N, C-alpha and C. Protein backbone atom coordinates (compact mmCIF):
# COMPACT_ATOMS: atom_id res chain seq x y z
N MET A 1 0.86 -1.17 -0.01
CA MET A 1 0.01 0.00 0.00
C MET A 1 0.86 1.24 0.00
N ASN A 2 0.47 2.22 -0.74
CA ASN A 2 1.19 3.45 -0.82
C ASN A 2 0.21 4.60 -0.48
N CYS A 3 0.71 5.56 0.28
CA CYS A 3 -0.10 6.70 0.73
C CYS A 3 0.73 7.97 0.50
N GLU A 4 0.33 8.78 -0.46
CA GLU A 4 1.02 10.00 -0.77
C GLU A 4 0.14 11.21 -0.46
N ILE A 5 0.73 12.25 0.12
CA ILE A 5 -0.04 13.47 0.45
C ILE A 5 0.51 14.64 -0.34
N GLN A 6 -0.39 15.33 -1.04
CA GLN A 6 0.01 16.53 -1.78
C GLN A 6 -0.71 17.74 -1.11
N ASP A 7 0.06 18.75 -0.78
CA ASP A 7 -0.46 19.94 -0.20
C ASP A 7 -0.96 20.86 -1.32
N ARG A 8 -2.21 21.20 -1.29
CA ARG A 8 -2.79 22.08 -2.31
C ARG A 8 -3.30 23.39 -1.67
N GLY A 9 -2.54 23.94 -0.72
CA GLY A 9 -2.93 25.16 -0.05
C GLY A 9 -3.96 24.84 1.03
N HIS A 10 -5.21 25.19 0.76
CA HIS A 10 -6.28 24.94 1.74
C HIS A 10 -6.67 23.48 1.80
N ALA A 11 -6.20 22.69 0.82
CA ALA A 11 -6.63 21.30 0.74
C ALA A 11 -5.42 20.35 0.73
N ALA A 12 -5.70 19.11 1.10
CA ALA A 12 -4.72 18.02 0.98
C ALA A 12 -5.35 16.95 0.09
N VAL A 13 -4.55 16.45 -0.85
CA VAL A 13 -4.98 15.33 -1.67
C VAL A 13 -4.18 14.13 -1.18
N VAL A 14 -4.89 13.16 -0.69
CA VAL A 14 -4.29 11.91 -0.16
C VAL A 14 -4.52 10.82 -1.20
N THR A 15 -3.44 10.38 -1.83
CA THR A 15 -3.56 9.35 -2.88
C THR A 15 -3.23 7.99 -2.30
N LEU A 16 -4.19 7.10 -2.37
CA LEU A 16 -4.00 5.73 -1.85
C LEU A 16 -3.89 4.77 -3.02
N SER A 17 -3.01 3.79 -2.88
CA SER A 17 -2.90 2.79 -3.94
C SER A 17 -2.51 1.44 -3.30
N GLY A 18 -2.89 0.39 -3.98
CA GLY A 18 -2.62 -0.97 -3.44
C GLY A 18 -3.71 -1.44 -2.49
N ASP A 19 -3.34 -2.29 -1.59
CA ASP A 19 -4.31 -2.88 -0.63
C ASP A 19 -4.35 -2.03 0.62
N VAL A 20 -5.56 -1.61 0.97
CA VAL A 20 -5.79 -0.90 2.22
C VAL A 20 -6.44 -1.92 3.20
N ASP A 21 -5.59 -2.54 3.99
CA ASP A 21 -6.02 -3.67 4.81
C ASP A 21 -5.54 -3.48 6.24
N LEU A 22 -5.68 -4.54 7.05
CA LEU A 22 -5.36 -4.50 8.46
C LEU A 22 -3.93 -4.02 8.71
N GLU A 23 -3.03 -4.43 7.83
CA GLU A 23 -1.62 -4.06 7.97
C GLU A 23 -1.38 -2.58 7.67
N SER A 24 -2.04 -2.05 6.63
CA SER A 24 -1.77 -0.69 6.18
C SER A 24 -2.75 0.36 6.73
N SER A 25 -3.88 -0.06 7.21
CA SER A 25 -4.90 0.92 7.61
C SER A 25 -4.48 1.85 8.73
N PRO A 26 -3.59 1.45 9.69
CA PRO A 26 -3.14 2.43 10.68
C PRO A 26 -2.39 3.64 10.04
N LYS A 27 -1.62 3.35 9.02
CA LYS A 27 -0.89 4.42 8.29
C LYS A 27 -1.90 5.33 7.59
N VAL A 28 -2.91 4.74 6.97
CA VAL A 28 -3.94 5.53 6.28
C VAL A 28 -4.74 6.37 7.30
N ARG A 29 -5.11 5.77 8.39
CA ARG A 29 -5.85 6.48 9.44
C ARG A 29 -5.06 7.67 9.94
N SER A 30 -3.81 7.46 10.23
CA SER A 30 -2.96 8.53 10.75
C SER A 30 -2.80 9.67 9.74
N ALA A 31 -2.57 9.33 8.50
CA ALA A 31 -2.40 10.32 7.44
C ALA A 31 -3.68 11.13 7.25
N LEU A 32 -4.81 10.46 7.22
CA LEU A 32 -6.08 11.15 7.02
C LEU A 32 -6.41 12.10 8.20
N LEU A 33 -6.23 11.57 9.41
CA LEU A 33 -6.55 12.40 10.58
C LEU A 33 -5.62 13.60 10.70
N ASP A 34 -4.35 13.41 10.33
CA ASP A 34 -3.41 14.54 10.34
C ASP A 34 -3.87 15.61 9.35
N CYS A 35 -4.28 15.17 8.16
CA CYS A 35 -4.74 16.14 7.14
C CYS A 35 -6.01 16.85 7.59
N VAL A 36 -6.94 16.11 8.15
CA VAL A 36 -8.23 16.70 8.64
C VAL A 36 -7.94 17.78 9.67
N SER A 37 -6.94 17.53 10.50
CA SER A 37 -6.68 18.45 11.60
C SER A 37 -6.08 19.80 11.15
N VAL A 38 -5.50 19.85 9.96
CA VAL A 38 -4.83 21.08 9.55
C VAL A 38 -5.35 21.69 8.24
N LYS A 39 -6.25 21.04 7.55
CA LYS A 39 -6.72 21.55 6.26
C LYS A 39 -8.20 21.82 6.31
N SER A 40 -8.67 22.67 5.39
CA SER A 40 -10.11 22.91 5.28
C SER A 40 -10.77 21.98 4.33
N ALA A 41 -9.97 21.20 3.60
CA ALA A 41 -10.54 20.19 2.65
C ALA A 41 -9.55 19.03 2.51
N VAL A 42 -10.12 17.84 2.47
CA VAL A 42 -9.30 16.66 2.24
C VAL A 42 -9.97 15.85 1.12
N VAL A 43 -9.19 15.54 0.08
CA VAL A 43 -9.68 14.75 -1.04
C VAL A 43 -8.87 13.45 -1.05
N VAL A 44 -9.55 12.33 -0.98
CA VAL A 44 -8.88 11.02 -0.96
C VAL A 44 -9.03 10.42 -2.36
N ASP A 45 -7.91 10.35 -3.07
CA ASP A 45 -7.87 9.77 -4.42
C ASP A 45 -7.69 8.27 -4.27
N MET A 46 -8.75 7.52 -4.67
CA MET A 46 -8.76 6.07 -4.46
C MET A 46 -8.70 5.29 -5.76
N ALA A 47 -8.23 5.92 -6.83
CA ALA A 47 -8.15 5.26 -8.14
C ALA A 47 -7.26 4.03 -8.10
N GLY A 48 -6.19 4.08 -7.32
CA GLY A 48 -5.24 2.97 -7.28
C GLY A 48 -5.48 1.95 -6.24
N VAL A 49 -6.61 2.02 -5.51
CA VAL A 49 -6.92 1.04 -4.48
C VAL A 49 -7.42 -0.26 -5.09
N SER A 50 -6.63 -1.31 -4.93
CA SER A 50 -7.00 -2.60 -5.53
C SER A 50 -7.86 -3.44 -4.57
N TYR A 51 -7.76 -3.14 -3.25
CA TYR A 51 -8.51 -3.91 -2.27
C TYR A 51 -8.63 -3.06 -1.01
N ILE A 52 -9.81 -3.10 -0.40
CA ILE A 52 -9.99 -2.43 0.89
C ILE A 52 -10.83 -3.32 1.79
N ASP A 53 -10.39 -3.53 3.00
CA ASP A 53 -11.14 -4.36 3.95
C ASP A 53 -11.83 -3.49 4.99
N SER A 54 -12.47 -4.12 5.98
CA SER A 54 -13.22 -3.37 7.00
C SER A 54 -12.36 -2.38 7.78
N SER A 55 -11.08 -2.71 8.01
CA SER A 55 -10.21 -1.82 8.75
C SER A 55 -9.90 -0.59 7.92
N GLY A 56 -9.76 -0.75 6.64
CA GLY A 56 -9.55 0.38 5.73
C GLY A 56 -10.79 1.27 5.67
N VAL A 57 -11.95 0.64 5.60
CA VAL A 57 -13.19 1.39 5.59
C VAL A 57 -13.33 2.15 6.92
N ALA A 58 -13.01 1.50 8.01
CA ALA A 58 -13.10 2.12 9.33
C ALA A 58 -12.21 3.36 9.40
N SER A 59 -11.05 3.29 8.79
CA SER A 59 -10.14 4.49 8.76
C SER A 59 -10.77 5.63 8.01
N LEU A 60 -11.44 5.33 6.88
CA LEU A 60 -12.14 6.35 6.11
C LEU A 60 -13.28 6.96 6.91
N VAL A 61 -14.04 6.11 7.59
CA VAL A 61 -15.19 6.57 8.37
C VAL A 61 -14.73 7.44 9.54
N GLU A 62 -13.67 7.02 10.22
CA GLU A 62 -13.14 7.81 11.35
C GLU A 62 -12.70 9.20 10.89
N ALA A 63 -11.99 9.25 9.78
CA ALA A 63 -11.53 10.55 9.25
C ALA A 63 -12.71 11.37 8.79
N PHE A 64 -13.72 10.79 8.20
CA PHE A 64 -14.91 11.49 7.79
C PHE A 64 -15.63 12.10 8.97
N GLN A 65 -15.75 11.33 10.07
CA GLN A 65 -16.39 11.82 11.26
C GLN A 65 -15.62 12.95 11.90
N ALA A 66 -14.29 12.82 11.92
CA ALA A 66 -13.45 13.89 12.47
C ALA A 66 -13.60 15.17 11.59
N ALA A 67 -13.69 15.00 10.31
CA ALA A 67 -13.86 16.14 9.41
C ALA A 67 -15.20 16.83 9.66
N ARG A 68 -16.22 16.10 9.88
CA ARG A 68 -17.55 16.67 10.16
C ARG A 68 -17.55 17.52 11.43
N LYS A 69 -16.82 17.06 12.43
CA LYS A 69 -16.74 17.76 13.72
C LYS A 69 -16.04 19.12 13.58
N THR A 70 -15.12 19.19 12.61
CA THR A 70 -14.34 20.43 12.45
C THR A 70 -14.75 21.20 11.20
N ASP A 71 -15.88 20.81 10.61
CA ASP A 71 -16.38 21.46 9.39
C ASP A 71 -15.37 21.46 8.24
N THR A 72 -14.66 20.33 8.15
CA THR A 72 -13.67 20.13 7.08
C THR A 72 -14.33 19.32 5.98
N SER A 73 -14.14 19.76 4.76
CA SER A 73 -14.65 19.02 3.61
C SER A 73 -13.85 17.71 3.44
N PHE A 74 -14.56 16.60 3.30
CA PHE A 74 -13.90 15.29 3.16
C PHE A 74 -14.57 14.58 1.98
N VAL A 75 -13.82 14.38 0.91
CA VAL A 75 -14.37 13.87 -0.33
C VAL A 75 -13.54 12.71 -0.82
N LEU A 76 -14.20 11.65 -1.32
CA LEU A 76 -13.52 10.56 -1.98
C LEU A 76 -13.61 10.80 -3.45
N ALA A 77 -12.46 10.62 -4.11
CA ALA A 77 -12.41 10.88 -5.59
C ALA A 77 -11.87 9.66 -6.32
N ARG A 78 -12.34 9.50 -7.53
CA ARG A 78 -11.85 8.45 -8.46
C ARG A 78 -11.82 7.08 -7.75
N VAL A 79 -12.91 6.75 -7.05
CA VAL A 79 -12.93 5.49 -6.30
C VAL A 79 -12.90 4.29 -7.25
N SER A 80 -11.93 3.40 -7.04
CA SER A 80 -11.77 2.20 -7.89
C SER A 80 -13.02 1.35 -7.78
N GLU A 81 -13.17 0.53 -8.80
CA GLU A 81 -14.30 -0.41 -8.83
C GLU A 81 -14.31 -1.34 -7.61
N ALA A 82 -13.15 -1.85 -7.25
CA ALA A 82 -13.06 -2.76 -6.10
C ALA A 82 -13.45 -2.06 -4.80
N ALA A 83 -12.97 -0.84 -4.60
CA ALA A 83 -13.31 -0.09 -3.39
C ALA A 83 -14.80 0.33 -3.42
N MET A 84 -15.31 0.68 -4.56
CA MET A 84 -16.71 1.09 -4.64
C MET A 84 -17.64 -0.04 -4.30
N ARG A 85 -17.29 -1.23 -4.70
CA ARG A 85 -18.13 -2.43 -4.34
C ARG A 85 -18.24 -2.54 -2.82
N VAL A 86 -17.14 -2.37 -2.12
CA VAL A 86 -17.17 -2.48 -0.64
C VAL A 86 -17.98 -1.33 -0.06
N LEU A 87 -17.79 -0.12 -0.54
CA LEU A 87 -18.55 1.02 -0.04
C LEU A 87 -20.03 0.84 -0.29
N GLU A 88 -20.40 0.31 -1.44
CA GLU A 88 -21.79 0.07 -1.77
C GLU A 88 -22.38 -1.01 -0.87
N LEU A 89 -21.64 -2.08 -0.61
CA LEU A 89 -22.12 -3.16 0.24
C LEU A 89 -22.41 -2.63 1.66
N ALA A 90 -21.60 -1.73 2.12
CA ALA A 90 -21.77 -1.14 3.43
C ALA A 90 -22.72 0.08 3.42
N ARG A 91 -23.21 0.38 2.22
CA ARG A 91 -24.11 1.55 1.97
C ARG A 91 -23.37 2.89 2.32
N LEU A 92 -22.09 2.86 2.30
CA LEU A 92 -21.33 4.08 2.60
C LEU A 92 -21.23 4.99 1.39
N ASP A 93 -21.60 4.47 0.22
CA ASP A 93 -21.64 5.32 -0.95
C ASP A 93 -22.72 6.40 -0.81
N ARG A 94 -23.62 6.21 0.13
CA ARG A 94 -24.66 7.21 0.45
C ARG A 94 -24.24 8.16 1.52
N VAL A 95 -23.13 7.84 2.23
CA VAL A 95 -22.66 8.66 3.32
C VAL A 95 -21.55 9.60 2.85
N PHE A 96 -20.56 9.03 2.15
CA PHE A 96 -19.45 9.82 1.67
C PHE A 96 -19.85 10.65 0.46
N GLN A 97 -19.22 11.81 0.33
CA GLN A 97 -19.33 12.54 -0.93
C GLN A 97 -18.29 11.92 -1.87
N ILE A 98 -18.73 11.46 -3.01
CA ILE A 98 -17.87 10.77 -3.96
C ILE A 98 -17.93 11.51 -5.29
N VAL A 99 -16.76 11.86 -5.80
CA VAL A 99 -16.67 12.59 -7.08
C VAL A 99 -15.81 11.79 -8.05
N THR A 100 -15.96 12.11 -9.35
CA THR A 100 -15.22 11.35 -10.37
C THR A 100 -13.80 11.83 -10.58
N GLU A 101 -13.50 13.08 -10.25
CA GLU A 101 -12.16 13.62 -10.46
C GLU A 101 -11.69 14.33 -9.19
N VAL A 102 -10.40 14.31 -8.92
CA VAL A 102 -9.85 15.01 -7.78
C VAL A 102 -10.19 16.48 -7.83
N SER A 103 -10.10 17.10 -9.00
CA SER A 103 -10.39 18.53 -9.12
C SER A 103 -11.83 18.88 -8.68
N ASP A 104 -12.75 17.93 -8.87
CA ASP A 104 -14.13 18.15 -8.45
C ASP A 104 -14.23 18.25 -6.92
N GLY A 105 -13.37 17.57 -6.19
CA GLY A 105 -13.36 17.61 -4.74
C GLY A 105 -12.65 18.81 -4.19
N LEU A 106 -11.75 19.40 -4.92
CA LEU A 106 -10.98 20.51 -4.41
C LEU A 106 -11.78 21.76 -4.26
N GLY A 107 -12.81 21.93 -5.04
CA GLY A 107 -13.65 23.14 -4.95
C GLY A 107 -14.55 23.21 -3.74
N HIS A 108 -14.67 22.08 -3.02
CA HIS A 108 -15.62 22.04 -1.91
C HIS A 108 -15.08 22.64 -0.63
N GLY A 109 -13.80 22.98 -0.59
CA GLY A 109 -13.22 23.55 0.61
C GLY A 109 -13.16 25.07 0.59
N ASP A 110 -13.59 25.67 -0.50
CA ASP A 110 -13.51 27.11 -0.64
C ASP A 110 -14.50 27.81 0.20
C-alpha cells in the first residue's frame, strides 16, 4: 500500500494505492486524521486502491467523522471499482461525498 499526500494550499490530496487492509490501515488512518486536523478540505484519491477491507473502511469513516466535527470538507475521488463495491455493500456510498475527479473535490473547501 502506498499513501502520498499533496499539499494544495487549503486542501490536501491523499492518494491511496494498493491494498488498504489491516496491515496498512493504521498508516492511512494517521495520514487522514493529520490532514483533517490542519486543512479545510481533504480529497482522498482512491483510483489505485485494488482492495480495501473493513479496517480500511473504518479508517475512512473515522476521518470522515473527524472532518464533520471540524467542518472540514472530506471527499472521496476516483474510487476504484473494487473499493466502490465495498462502499456500496456497506451503503457508505450514500454517506461519503464521492466525485469522479480530484479537481471536483478541491472546490468544496473554498
